[in-house]
Amino acid sequence: MSMPLGKQVFFAGVAASGSCAILYYLVQKMFSRASYYQLALEQLHSHPEALEALGTPLNVHYLRLTDKYNFVDIADAKLKIPVSGPKSEGHLYVSSSRDAPFKRWNLQEVFLELKDGQQIPLFKPSRDNDESPTVCLIEDSQNNCFNPNISKA
């Protein structure tokens, strides 16, 4: 028994749409699990000025996969992550790199741009003797960056 062409086209369209939705979800999940994404969100969640500007709880939204700012290759990653809170919304801009494939990602820059255009820097790389940048967990009054989890020789 053959199925009419109209039904075949309909079911093929439903299957294709479902496949696209699943693929979109999986790509979003892949980005959200990446270390450069997680490191940036840690910076946002630990920054009092950004939390005050957005309000809590924070909502992290899906990336716009068609946005030309979003770029990831084997050594560099740049993302524009939509975020919002009860007070405001904006984008978390992330720039990260690594020295070689399968090495650890290092944040280069993270800042929050609110919808009113205000920019709040969340991460500044610290370079001592041309070392890789480290995540700035503590700043003193002269804006010197310290990371208590990294010991210096």
C-alpha atoms as a PDB file:
ATOM      1  CA  MET A   1       0.000   0.000   0.000  1.00  0.00           C
ATOM      2  CA  SER A   2       1.534   3.295  -1.081  1.00  0.00           C
ATOM      3  CA  MET A   3       1.267   6.548   0.822  1.00  0.00           C
ATOM      4  CA  PRO A   4       0.107   9.692  -1.001  1.00  0.00           C
ATOM      5  CA  LEU A   5       2.902  12.102  -1.923  1.00  0.00           C
ATOM      6  CA  GLY A   6       1.426  14.875   0.257  1.00  0.00           C
ATOM      7  CA  LYS A   7       1.674  12.697   3.377  1.00  0.00           C
ATOM      8  CA  GLN A   8       5.227  11.670   2.493  1.00  0.00           C
ATOM      9  CA  VAL A   9       6.266  15.312   2.148  1.00  0.00           C
ATOM     10  CA  PHE A  10       4.520  16.190   5.428  1.00  0.00           C
ATOM     11  CA  PHE A  11       6.219  13.406   7.396  1.00  0.00           C
ATOM     12  CA  ALA A  12       9.596  14.166   5.809  1.00  0.00           C
ATOM     13  CA  GLY A  13       9.173  17.819   6.838  1.00  0.00           C
ATOM     14  CA  VAL A  14       8.289  16.861  10.410  1.00  0.00           C
ATOM     15  CA  ALA A  15      11.295  14.529  10.596  1.00  0.00           C
ATOM     16  CA  ALA A  16      13.653  17.179   9.181  1.00  0.00           C
ATOM     17  CA  SER A  17      12.330  19.852  11.569  1.00  0.00           C
ATOM     18  CA  GLY A  18      12.723  17.532  14.530  1.00  0.00           C
ATOM     19  CA  SER A  19      16.256  16.643  13.482  1.00  0.00           C
ATOM     20  CA  CYS A  20      17.178  20.330  13.190  1.00  0.00           C
ATOM     21  CA  ALA A  21      15.739  21.064  16.646  1.00  0.00           C
ATOM     22  CA  ILE A  22      17.698  18.196  18.197  1.00  0.00           C
ATOM     23  CA  LEU A  23      20.905  19.283  16.452  1.00  0.00           C
ATOM     24  CA  TYR A  24      20.415  22.883  17.653  1.00  0.00           C
ATOM     25  CA  TYR A  25      19.914  21.659  21.230  1.00  0.00           C
ATOM     26  CA  LEU A  26      23.029  19.450  21.083  1.00  0.00           C
ATOM     27  CA  VAL A  27      25.205  22.281  19.731  1.00  0.00           C
ATOM     28  CA  GLN A  28      23.973  24.592  22.517  1.00  0.00           C
ATOM     29  CA  LYS A  29      24.716  21.891  25.093  1.00  0.00           C
ATOM     30  CA  MET A  30      28.217  21.415  23.647  1.00  0.00           C
ATOM     31  CA  PHE A  31      28.970  25.140  24.009  1.00  0.00           C
ATOM     32  CA  SER A  32      27.578  25.332  27.541  1.00  0.00           C
ATOM     33  CA  ARG A  33      29.812  22.476  28.714  1.00  0.00           C
ATOM     34  CA  ALA A  34      33.026  23.901  27.230  1.00  0.00           C
ATOM     35  CA  SER A  35      35.576  25.153  29.751  1.00  0.00           C
ATOM     36  CA  TYR A  36      35.898  28.608  28.126  1.00  0.00           C
ATOM     37  CA  TYR A  37      32.129  29.044  28.583  1.00  0.00           C
ATOM     38  CA  GLN A  38      32.163  27.781  32.177  1.00  0.00           C
ATOM     39  CA  LEU A  39      35.174  29.940  33.138  1.00  0.00           C
ATOM     40  CA  ALA A  40      33.398  33.037  31.841  1.00  0.00           C
ATOM     41  CA  LEU A  41      30.233  32.246  33.795  1.00  0.00           C
ATOM     42  CA  GLU A  42      32.325  31.762  36.942  1.00  0.00           C
ATOM     43  CA  GLN A  43      33.706  35.263  36.414  1.00  0.00           C
ATOM     44  CA  LEU A  44      30.190  36.654  36.047  1.00  0.00           C
ATOM     45  CA  HIS A  45      28.840  34.873  39.136  1.00  0.00           C
ATOM     46  CA  SER A  46      31.772  36.071  41.272  1.00  0.00           C
ATOM     47  CA  HIS A  47      31.629  39.746  40.224  1.00  0.00           C
ATOM     48  CA  PRO A  48      29.534  41.867  42.645  1.00  0.00           C
ATOM     49  CA  GLU A  49      29.171  44.869  40.305  1.00  0.00           C
ATOM     50  CA  ALA A  50      27.845  42.696  37.472  1.00  0.00           C
ATOM     51  CA  LEU A  51      25.460  40.872  39.797  1.00  0.00           C
ATOM     52  CA  GLU A  52      24.184  44.204  41.132  1.00  0.00           C
ATOM     53  CA  ALA A  53      23.653  45.548  37.600  1.00  0.00           C
ATOM     54  CA  LEU A  54      21.758  42.475  36.359  1.00  0.00           C
ATOM     55  CA  GLY A  55      20.097  41.428  39.589  1.00  0.00           C
ATOM     56  CA  THR A  56      19.733  37.880  40.788  1.00  0.00           C
ATOM     57  CA  PRO A  57      18.829  35.243  39.853  1.00  0.00           C
ATOM     58  CA  LEU A  58      20.794  35.331  36.615  1.00  0.00           C
ATOM     59  CA  ASN A  59      19.448  33.726  33.455  1.00  0.00           C
ATOM     60  CA  VAL A  60      21.897  32.512  30.831  1.00  0.00           C
ATOM     61  CA  HIS A  61      20.258  32.192  27.422  1.00  0.00           C
ATOM     62  CA  TYR A  62      21.133  30.200  24.314  1.00  0.00           C
ATOM     63  CA  LEU A  63      23.839  31.565  22.042  1.00  0.00           C
ATOM     64  CA  ARG A  64      22.748  33.010  18.728  1.00  0.00           C
ATOM     65  CA  LEU A  65      24.542  30.569  16.487  1.00  0.00           C
ATOM     66  CA  THR A  66      24.195  32.925  13.515  1.00  0.00           C
ATOM     67  CA  ASP A  67      25.953  35.810  15.324  1.00  0.00           C
ATOM     68  CA  LYS A  68      29.285  36.421  13.592  1.00  0.00           C
ATOM     69  CA  TYR A  69      30.957  37.293  16.914  1.00  0.00           C
ATOM     70  CA  ASN A  70      30.614  33.679  18.077  1.00  0.00           C
ATOM     71  CA  PHE A  71      33.667  31.828  16.821  1.00  0.00           C
ATOM     72  CA  VAL A  72      35.469  28.712  18.027  1.00  0.00           C
ATOM     73  CA  ASP A  73      38.380  26.918  16.437  1.00  0.00           C
ATOM     74  CA  ILE A  74      41.118  24.647  17.732  1.00  0.00           C
ATOM     75  CA  ALA A  75      43.079  27.427  19.498  1.00  0.00           C
ATOM     76  CA  ASP A  76      40.717  30.406  19.944  1.00  0.00           C
ATOM     77  CA  ALA A  77      37.188  30.962  21.164  1.00  0.00           C
ATOM     78  CA  LYS A  78      35.073  34.118  21.151  1.00  0.00           C
ATOM     79  CA  LEU A  79      31.521  34.060  22.441  1.00  0.00           C
ATOM     80  CA  LYS A  80      28.728  36.535  23.028  1.00  0.00           C
ATOM     81  CA  ILE A  81      26.551  34.941  25.701  1.00  0.00           C
ATOM     82  CA  PRO A  82      23.110  36.510  26.303  1.00  0.00           C
ATOM     83  CA  VAL A  83      22.427  36.996  30.027  1.00  0.00           C
ATOM     84  CA  SER A  84      19.644  38.641  31.977  1.00  0.00           C
ATOM     85  CA  GLY A  85      18.412  39.287  35.467  1.00  0.00           C
ATOM     86  CA  PRO A  86      15.465  41.067  37.061  1.00  0.00           C
ATOM     87  CA  LYS A  87      17.126  44.494  36.739  1.00  0.00           C
ATOM     88  CA  SER A  88      18.737  44.398  33.288  1.00  0.00           C
ATOM     89  CA  GLU A  89      20.025  42.265  30.439  1.00  0.00           C
ATOM     90  CA  GLY A  90      23.066  42.210  28.232  1.00  0.00           C
ATOM     91  CA  HIS A  91      25.782  40.078  26.713  1.00  0.00           C
ATOM     92  CA  LEU A  92      28.799  38.432  28.285  1.00  0.00           C
ATOM     93  CA  TYR A  93      31.707  38.764  25.844  1.00  0.00           C
ATOM     94  CA  VAL A  94      34.331  36.045  26.198  1.00  0.00           C
ATOM     95  CA  SER A  95      37.703  35.717  24.527  1.00  0.00           C
ATOM     96  CA  SER A  96      39.784  32.638  25.272  1.00  0.00           C
ATOM     97  CA  SER A  97      42.728  30.791  23.766  1.00  0.00           C
ATOM     98  CA  ARG A  98      44.961  27.796  24.274  1.00  0.00           C
ATOM     99  CA  ASP A  99      48.502  26.963  23.246  1.00  0.00           C
ATOM    100  CA  ALA A 100      47.770  23.653  21.544  1.00  0.00           C
ATOM    101  CA  PRO A 101      44.894  21.251  20.934  1.00  0.00           C
ATOM    102  CA  PHE A 102      43.761  19.416  24.060  1.00  0.00           C
ATOM    103  CA  LYS A 103      45.517  21.937  26.329  1.00  0.00           C
ATOM    104  CA  ARG A 104      43.710  24.021  28.938  1.00  0.00           C
ATOM    105  CA  TRP A 105      41.772  27.090  27.774  1.00  0.00           C
ATOM    106  CA  ASN A 106      43.002  30.443  29.152  1.00  0.00           C
ATOM    107  CA  LEU A 107      40.678  33.404  29.423  1.00  0.00           C
ATOM    108  CA  GLN A 108      41.948  36.464  27.583  1.00  0.00           C
ATOM    109  CA  GLU A 109      39.096  38.862  28.269  1.00  0.00           C
ATOM    110  CA  VAL A 110      35.617  38.754  29.775  1.00  0.00           C
ATOM    111  CA  PHE A 111      33.298  41.727  30.033  1.00  0.00           C
ATOM    112  CA  LEU A 112      29.600  42.335  30.450  1.00  0.00           C
ATOM    113  CA  GLU A 113      27.866  44.796  28.143  1.00  0.00           C
ATOM    114  CA  LEU A 114      24.460  45.866  29.415  1.00  0.00           C
ATOM    115  CA  LYS A 115      21.616  46.854  27.095  1.00  0.00           C
ATOM    116  CA  ASP A 116      22.231  50.546  27.930  1.00  0.00           C
ATOM    117  CA  GLY A 117      25.789  50.225  26.566  1.00  0.00           C
ATOM    118  CA  GLN A 118      27.561  50.181  29.950  1.00  0.00           C
ATOM    119  CA  GLN A 119      30.533  47.816  29.967  1.00  0.00           C
ATOM    120  CA  ILE A 120      31.712  46.071  33.117  1.00  0.00           C
ATOM    121  CA  PRO A 121      35.116  44.353  32.835  1.00  0.00           C
ATOM    122  CA  LEU A 122      35.020  41.024  34.654  1.00  0.00           C
ATOM    123  CA  PHE A 123      38.428  39.609  33.852  1.00  0.00           C
ATOM    124  CA  LYS A 124      41.830  41.128  33.201  1.00  0.00           C
ATOM    125  CA  PRO A 125      44.695  38.822  32.261  1.00  0.00           C
ATOM    126  CA  SER A 126      47.732  38.913  34.510  1.00  0.00           C
ATOM    127  CA  ARG A 127      51.084  38.433  32.810  1.00  0.00           C
ATOM    128  CA  ASP A 128      54.198  37.826  34.857  1.00  0.00           C
ATOM    129  CA  ASN A 129      57.328  36.946  32.906  1.00  0.00           C
ATOM    130  CA  ASP A 130      55.302  36.081  29.789  1.00  0.00           C
ATOM    131  CA  GLU A 131      53.333  33.347  31.522  1.00  0.00           C
ATOM    132  CA  SER A 132      49.884  32.415  30.306  1.00  0.00           C
ATOM    133  CA  PRO A 133      47.122  34.614  31.684  1.00  0.00           C
ATOM    134  CA  THR A 134      45.522  33.443  34.895  1.00  0.00           C
ATOM    135  CA  VAL A 135      42.060  34.013  36.206  1.00  0.00           C
ATOM    136  CA  CYS A 136      42.064  37.043  38.470  1.00  0.00           C
ATOM    137  CA  LEU A 137      40.301  35.938  41.654  1.00  0.00           C
ATOM    138  CA  ILE A 138      41.541  38.680  43.996  1.00  0.00           C
ATOM    139  CA  GLU A 139      42.601  42.255  43.242  1.00  0.00           C
ATOM    140  CA  ASP A 140      44.378  44.531  45.682  1.00  0.00           C
ATOM    141  CA  SER A 141      43.907  48.312  45.860  1.00  0.00           C
ATOM    142  CA  GLN A 142      46.434  48.830  43.016  1.00  0.00           C
ATOM    143  CA  ASN A 143      44.488  46.423  40.748  1.00  0.00           C
ATOM    144  CA  ASN A 144      47.183  43.751  41.041  1.00  0.00           C
ATOM    145  CA  CYS A 145      45.777  40.337  40.264  1.00  0.00           C
ATOM    146  CA  PHE A 146      46.275  37.329  42.543  1.00  0.00           C
ATOM    147  CA  ASN A 147      45.115  33.762  42.242  1.00  0.00           C
ATOM    148  CA  PRO A 148      45.466  31.903  45.540  1.00  0.00           C
ATOM    149  CA  ASN A 149      45.168  28.545  43.754  1.00  0.00           C
ATOM    150  CA  ILE A 150      48.376  29.076  41.768  1.00  0.00           C
ATOM    151  CA  SER A 151      51.710  29.056  43.549  1.00  0.00           C
ATOM    152  CA  LYS A 152      54.651  30.965  42.104  1.00  0.00           C
ATOM    153  CA  ALA A 153      58.097  29.410  42.111  1.00  0.00           C
END
